[in-house]
Amino acid sequence: MTITPELIVFGMLAGMAALSAVGVVAFKNAVRSALCLVFTFFILGFLYFALNAEMLGITQIVVYTGAIMVLFLFVIMLLNLGASHVLEEKSDPKKAVGIAFGVSLAALLASQVVPLLLKFKAPIPTKEFGSPQVIGKVLFTDYVLPFEAVSVLLLLGVVGSVLLAKRRMS
């Protein structure tokens, strides 16, 4: 495996995405966690651009960073989770066990994945790879059932959040 400038940029973006993802769970303030999630979504969009999947990058930024995060921030403000005292937890010894288990699981996964990645040779994508035409064709032919299932799931999420908001107000 040769180290190329593209690989260095990819590694830097992946490291920034991983750090901001840690920030999502590390911050106690829900708004700061949501902003870390926005940054993570932006970095993932840039990673898609680096992989020549411009359509996925644009979709990542517009849908997740724009629409989904606005929805998250709306729910945070609606439920008044912005105050840090709301999310304070007592110290729990299970947290240390969970962290140790998570680190050991990450080490186990890294020991299995890293040797395979070092031997991996990237396939050469076709010219149409990641284009809107190819994605639309595959989405509406091969993956129409999962696509519709996800749309129903998102609709149920919207209805559930509306019902949750109405119950809190009354």
Foldseek 3Di string as FASTA:
>chain_A
DDDDPLNVVLVVLVVLLVVLCVVLVPDLFNVSNLVSVLVNLLSVLVNCVSVVQNLVSVCSNCPCNPPVSVVSVVLCVLVVSRDSVVRDDDDDPVVVVVVVVVVVVVVVVCVVVVVVVVVDDDDDDDPCPNPPVVVVVCCVPVVVVVVVVVVVVVVVVVVVSVVVSVVVVD
